[in-house]
Amino acid sequence: MLDGQVEIELSVSRQYVTDENGELVQETEPVDLSGIEVPMTQDLLALMAELRK
């Protein structure tokens, strides 16, 4: 999202747990992120409004 001279970028990634040999020990459960775009955008707009004060 771009607002003036400030650009804020969020990223989401999966986390994996591995042992000392790099072998997968535990895979985290996938998170359903459907429908998150609108609330996340609203939160970022509110954050940018606060930063402008």
PDB file of N, CA and C in Angstrom:
ATOM      1  N   MET A   1       0.861  -1.164   0.000  1.00  0.00           N
ATOM      2  CA  MET A   1       0.000   0.000   0.000  1.00  0.00           C
ATOM      3  C   MET A   1       0.905   1.224   0.000  1.00  0.00           C
ATOM      4  N   LEU A   2       0.629   2.167  -0.842  1.00  0.00           N
ATOM      5  CA  LEU A   2       1.445   3.367  -0.955  1.00  0.00           C
ATOM      6  C   LEU A   2       0.618   4.566  -0.543  1.00  0.00           C
ATOM      7  N   ASP A   3       1.191   5.389   0.343  1.00  0.00           N
ATOM      8  CA  ASP A   3       0.507   6.584   0.821  1.00  0.00           C
ATOM      9  C   ASP A   3       1.547   7.686   0.954  1.00  0.00           C
ATOM     10  N   GLY A   4       1.592   8.579  -0.013  1.00  0.00           N
ATOM     11  CA  GLY A   4       2.606   9.634   0.030  1.00  0.00           C
ATOM     12  C   GLY A   4       3.987   9.031  -0.159  1.00  0.00           C
ATOM     13  N   GLN A   5       4.889   9.352   0.762  1.00  0.00           N
ATOM     14  CA  GLN A   5       6.258   8.859   0.659  1.00  0.00           C
ATOM     15  C   GLN A   5       6.497   7.616   1.505  1.00  0.00           C
ATOM     16  N   VAL A   6       5.451   7.079   2.085  1.00  0.00           N
ATOM     17  CA  VAL A   6       5.598   5.909   2.946  1.00  0.00           C
ATOM     18  C   VAL A   6       4.985   4.701   2.258  1.00  0.00           C
ATOM     19  N   GLU A   7       5.730   3.632   2.243  1.00  0.00           N
ATOM     20  CA  GLU A   7       5.212   2.373   1.717  1.00  0.00           C
ATOM     21  C   GLU A   7       5.296   1.325   2.812  1.00  0.00           C
ATOM     22  N   ILE A   8       4.174   0.696   3.096  1.00  0.00           N
ATOM     23  CA  ILE A   8       4.117  -0.336   4.127  1.00  0.00           C
ATOM     24  C   ILE A   8       3.784  -1.651   3.448  1.00  0.00           C
ATOM     25  N   GLU A   9       4.579  -2.657   3.745  1.00  0.00           N
ATOM     26  CA  GLU A   9       4.362  -3.968   3.134  1.00  0.00           C
ATOM     27  C   GLU A   9       4.323  -5.021   4.235  1.00  0.00           C
ATOM     28  N   LEU A  10       3.336  -5.886   4.177  1.00  0.00           N
ATOM     29  CA  LEU A  10       3.217  -7.003   5.101  1.00  0.00           C
ATOM     30  C   LEU A  10       3.348  -8.297   4.317  1.00  0.00           C
ATOM     31  N   SER A  11       3.966  -9.269   4.931  1.00  0.00           N
ATOM     32  CA  SER A  11       4.018 -10.579   4.291  1.00  0.00           C
ATOM     33  C   SER A  11       3.696 -11.643   5.328  1.00  0.00           C
ATOM     34  N   VAL A  12       3.151 -12.722   4.850  1.00  0.00           N
ATOM     35  CA  VAL A  12       2.777 -13.845   5.697  1.00  0.00           C
ATOM     36  C   VAL A  12       3.464 -15.079   5.141  1.00  0.00           C
ATOM     37  N   SER A  13       4.075 -15.860   6.013  1.00  0.00           N
ATOM     38  CA  SER A  13       4.736 -17.072   5.558  1.00  0.00           C
ATOM     39  C   SER A  13       4.487 -18.203   6.552  1.00  0.00           C
ATOM     40  N   ARG A  14       4.697 -19.413   6.089  1.00  0.00           N
ATOM     41  CA  ARG A  14       4.537 -20.578   6.956  1.00  0.00           C
ATOM     42  C   ARG A  14       5.817 -20.807   7.727  1.00  0.00           C
ATOM     43  N   GLN A  15       5.671 -21.367   8.913  1.00  0.00           N
ATOM     44  CA  GLN A  15       6.825 -21.652   9.757  1.00  0.00           C
ATOM     45  C   GLN A  15       6.986 -23.160   9.855  1.00  0.00           C
ATOM     46  N   TYR A  16       8.206 -23.618   9.756  1.00  0.00           N
ATOM     47  CA  TYR A  16       8.518 -25.034   9.860  1.00  0.00           C
ATOM     48  C   TYR A  16       9.506 -25.230  11.001  1.00  0.00           C
ATOM     49  N   VAL A  17       9.391 -26.346  11.697  1.00  0.00           N
ATOM     50  CA  VAL A  17      10.329 -26.689  12.760  1.00  0.00           C
ATOM     51  C   VAL A  17      11.193 -27.833  12.242  1.00  0.00           C
ATOM     52  N   THR A  18      12.516 -27.637  12.287  1.00  0.00           N
ATOM     53  CA  THR A  18      13.436 -28.673  11.822  1.00  0.00           C
ATOM     54  C   THR A  18      14.409 -29.056  12.930  1.00  0.00           C
ATOM     55  N   ASP A  19      14.987 -30.234  12.805  1.00  0.00           N
ATOM     56  CA  ASP A  19      15.990 -30.661  13.773  1.00  0.00           C
ATOM     57  C   ASP A  19      17.357 -30.147  13.345  1.00  0.00           C
ATOM     58  N   GLU A  20      18.403 -30.558  14.067  1.00  0.00           N
ATOM     59  CA  GLU A  20      19.753 -30.057  13.784  1.00  0.00           C
ATOM     60  C   GLU A  20      20.268 -30.480  12.410  1.00  0.00           C
ATOM     61  N   ASN A  21      19.649 -31.511  11.810  1.00  0.00           N
ATOM     62  CA  ASN A  21      20.050 -31.966  10.478  1.00  0.00           C
ATOM     63  C   ASN A  21      19.219 -31.327   9.368  1.00  0.00           C
ATOM     64  N   GLY A  22      18.297 -30.436   9.746  1.00  0.00           N
ATOM     65  CA  GLY A  22      17.447 -29.783   8.766  1.00  0.00           C
ATOM     66  C   GLY A  22      16.237 -30.607   8.366  1.00  0.00           C
ATOM     67  N   GLU A  23      16.023 -31.731   9.055  1.00  0.00           N
ATOM     68  CA  GLU A  23      14.861 -32.578   8.765  1.00  0.00           C
ATOM     69  C   GLU A  23      13.602 -31.959   9.369  1.00  0.00           C
ATOM     70  N   LEU A  24      12.518 -32.018   8.634  1.00  0.00           N
ATOM     71  CA  LEU A  24      11.248 -31.471   9.098  1.00  0.00           C
ATOM     72  C   LEU A  24      10.760 -32.257  10.309  1.00  0.00           C
ATOM     73  N   VAL A  25      10.548 -31.557  11.420  1.00  0.00           N
ATOM     74  CA  VAL A  25      10.067 -32.182  12.651  1.00  0.00           C
ATOM     75  C   VAL A  25       8.579 -31.950  12.798  1.00  0.00           C
ATOM     76  N   GLN A  26       8.166 -30.736  12.563  1.00  0.00           N
ATOM     77  CA  GLN A  26       6.766 -30.379  12.735  1.00  0.00           C
ATOM     78  C   GLN A  26       6.406 -29.307  11.728  1.00  0.00           C
ATOM     79  N   GLU A  27       5.303 -29.515  11.055  1.00  0.00           N
ATOM     80  CA  GLU A  27       4.812 -28.511  10.120  1.00  0.00           C
ATOM     81  C   GLU A  27       3.612 -27.839  10.770  1.00  0.00           C
ATOM     82  N   THR A  28       3.604 -26.520  10.792  1.00  0.00           N
ATOM     83  CA  THR A  28       2.484 -25.804  11.392  1.00  0.00           C
ATOM     84  C   THR A  28       1.236 -25.987  10.541  1.00  0.00           C
ATOM     85  N   GLU A  29       0.095 -25.919  11.176  1.00  0.00           N
ATOM     86  CA  GLU A  29      -1.166 -26.046  10.472  1.00  0.00           C
ATOM     87  C   GLU A  29      -1.382 -24.830   9.573  1.00  0.00           C
ATOM     88  N   PRO A  30      -1.884 -25.031   8.358  1.00  0.00           N
ATOM     89  CA  PRO A  30      -2.162 -23.890   7.491  1.00  0.00           C
ATOM     90  C   PRO A  30      -3.249 -23.001   8.103  1.00  0.00           C
ATOM     91  N   VAL A  31      -3.096 -21.717   7.922  1.00  0.00           N
ATOM     92  CA  VAL A  31      -4.048 -20.745   8.443  1.00  0.00           C
ATOM     93  C   VAL A  31      -4.895 -20.239   7.285  1.00  0.00           C
ATOM     94  N   ASP A  32      -6.203 -20.207   7.490  1.00  0.00           N
ATOM     95  CA  ASP A  32      -7.105 -19.702   6.459  1.00  0.00           C
ATOM     96  C   ASP A  32      -7.093 -18.178   6.500  1.00  0.00           C
ATOM     97  N   LEU A  33      -6.522 -17.564   5.484  1.00  0.00           N
ATOM     98  CA  LEU A  33      -6.424 -16.109   5.431  1.00  0.00           C
ATOM     99  C   LEU A  33      -7.446 -15.494   4.484  1.00  0.00           C
ATOM    100  N   SER A  34      -8.419 -16.276   4.051  1.00  0.00           N
ATOM    101  CA  SER A  34      -9.435 -15.730   3.168  1.00  0.00           C
ATOM    102  C   SER A  34     -10.246 -14.675   3.916  1.00  0.00           C
ATOM    103  N   GLY A  35     -10.507 -13.592   3.258  1.00  0.00           N
ATOM    104  CA  GLY A  35     -11.275 -12.514   3.875  1.00  0.00           C
ATOM    105  C   GLY A  35     -10.457 -11.561   4.721  1.00  0.00           C
ATOM    106  N   ILE A  36      -9.152 -11.710   4.747  1.00  0.00           N
ATOM    107  CA  ILE A  36      -8.307 -10.858   5.603  1.00  0.00           C
ATOM    108  C   ILE A  36      -7.933  -9.544   4.908  1.00  0.00           C
ATOM    109  N   GLU A  37      -8.070  -9.486   3.596  1.00  0.00           N
ATOM    110  CA  GLU A  37      -7.594  -8.322   2.844  1.00  0.00           C
ATOM    111  C   GLU A  37      -8.275  -7.018   3.284  1.00  0.00           C
ATOM    112  N   VAL A  38      -9.592  -7.013   3.427  1.00  0.00           N
ATOM    113  CA  VAL A  38     -10.304  -5.785   3.789  1.00  0.00           C
ATOM    114  C   VAL A  38      -9.946  -5.328   5.200  1.00  0.00           C
ATOM    115  N   PRO A  39     -10.024  -6.190   6.237  1.00  0.00           N
ATOM    116  CA  PRO A  39      -9.655  -5.726   7.579  1.00  0.00           C
ATOM    117  C   PRO A  39      -8.183  -5.299   7.667  1.00  0.00           C
ATOM    118  N   MET A  40      -7.303  -6.013   6.973  1.00  0.00           N
ATOM    119  CA  MET A  40      -5.889  -5.657   7.006  1.00  0.00           C
ATOM    120  C   MET A  40      -5.676  -4.287   6.360  1.00  0.00           C
ATOM    121  N   THR A  41      -6.352  -4.027   5.258  1.00  0.00           N
ATOM    122  CA  THR A  41      -6.251  -2.729   4.594  1.00  0.00           C
ATOM    123  C   THR A  41      -6.775  -1.621   5.495  1.00  0.00           C
ATOM    124  N   GLN A  42      -7.888  -1.866   6.164  1.00  0.00           N
ATOM    125  CA  GLN A  42      -8.445  -0.870   7.085  1.00  0.00           C
ATOM    126  C   GLN A  42      -7.476  -0.587   8.230  1.00  0.00           C
ATOM    127  N   ASP A  43      -6.843  -1.624   8.760  1.00  0.00           N
ATOM    128  CA  ASP A  43      -5.865  -1.435   9.836  1.00  0.00           C
ATOM    129  C   ASP A  43      -4.664  -0.622   9.366  1.00  0.00           C
ATOM    130  N   LEU A  44      -4.181  -0.915   8.149  1.00  0.00           N
ATOM    131  CA  LEU A  44      -3.043  -0.154   7.622  1.00  0.00           C
ATOM    132  C   LEU A  44      -3.406   1.312   7.384  1.00  0.00           C
ATOM    133  N   LEU A  45      -4.610   1.559   6.888  1.00  0.00           N
ATOM    134  CA  LEU A  45      -5.042   2.946   6.688  1.00  0.00           C
ATOM    135  C   LEU A  45      -5.139   3.675   8.032  1.00  0.00           C
ATOM    136  N   ALA A  46      -5.638   3.006   9.063  1.00  0.00           N
ATOM    137  CA  ALA A  46      -5.716   3.612  10.395  1.00  0.00           C
ATOM    138  C   ALA A  46      -4.317   3.881  10.949  1.00  0.00           C
ATOM    139  N   LEU A  47      -3.399   2.956  10.742  1.00  0.00           N
ATOM    140  CA  LEU A  47      -2.019   3.140  11.187  1.00  0.00           C
ATOM    141  C   LEU A  47      -1.376   4.343  10.502  1.00  0.00           C
ATOM    142  N   MET A  48      -1.562   4.452   9.195  1.00  0.00           N
ATOM    143  CA  MET A  48      -0.982   5.581   8.464  1.00  0.00           C
ATOM    144  C   MET A  48      -1.606   6.914   8.921  1.00  0.00           C
ATOM    145  N   ALA A  49      -2.885   6.893   9.211  1.00  0.00           N
ATOM    146  CA  ALA A  49      -3.542   8.126   9.718  1.00  0.00           C
ATOM    147  C   ALA A  49      -2.928   8.536  11.048  1.00  0.00           C
ATOM    148  N   GLU A  50      -2.666   7.575  11.919  1.00  0.00           N
ATOM    149  CA  GLU A  50      -2.048   7.887  13.216  1.00  0.00           C
ATOM    150  C   GLU A  50      -0.618   8.384  13.053  1.00  0.00           C
ATOM    151  N   LEU A  51       0.089   7.820  12.116  1.00  0.00           N
ATOM    152  CA  LEU A  51       1.485   8.234  11.891  1.00  0.00           C
ATOM    153  C   LEU A  51       1.566   9.650  11.329  1.00  0.00           C
ATOM    154  N   ARG A  52       0.528  10.101  10.633  1.00  0.00           N
ATOM    155  CA  ARG A  52       0.517  11.449  10.083  1.00  0.00           C
ATOM    156  C   ARG A  52       0.327  12.507  11.160  1.00  0.00           C
ATOM    157  N   LYS A  53      -0.183  12.136  12.325  1.00  0.00           N
ATOM    158  CA  LYS A  53      -0.477  13.114  13.389  1.00  0.00           C
ATOM    159  C   LYS A  53       0.787  13.657  14.006  1.00  0.00           C
TER     160      LYS A  53
END
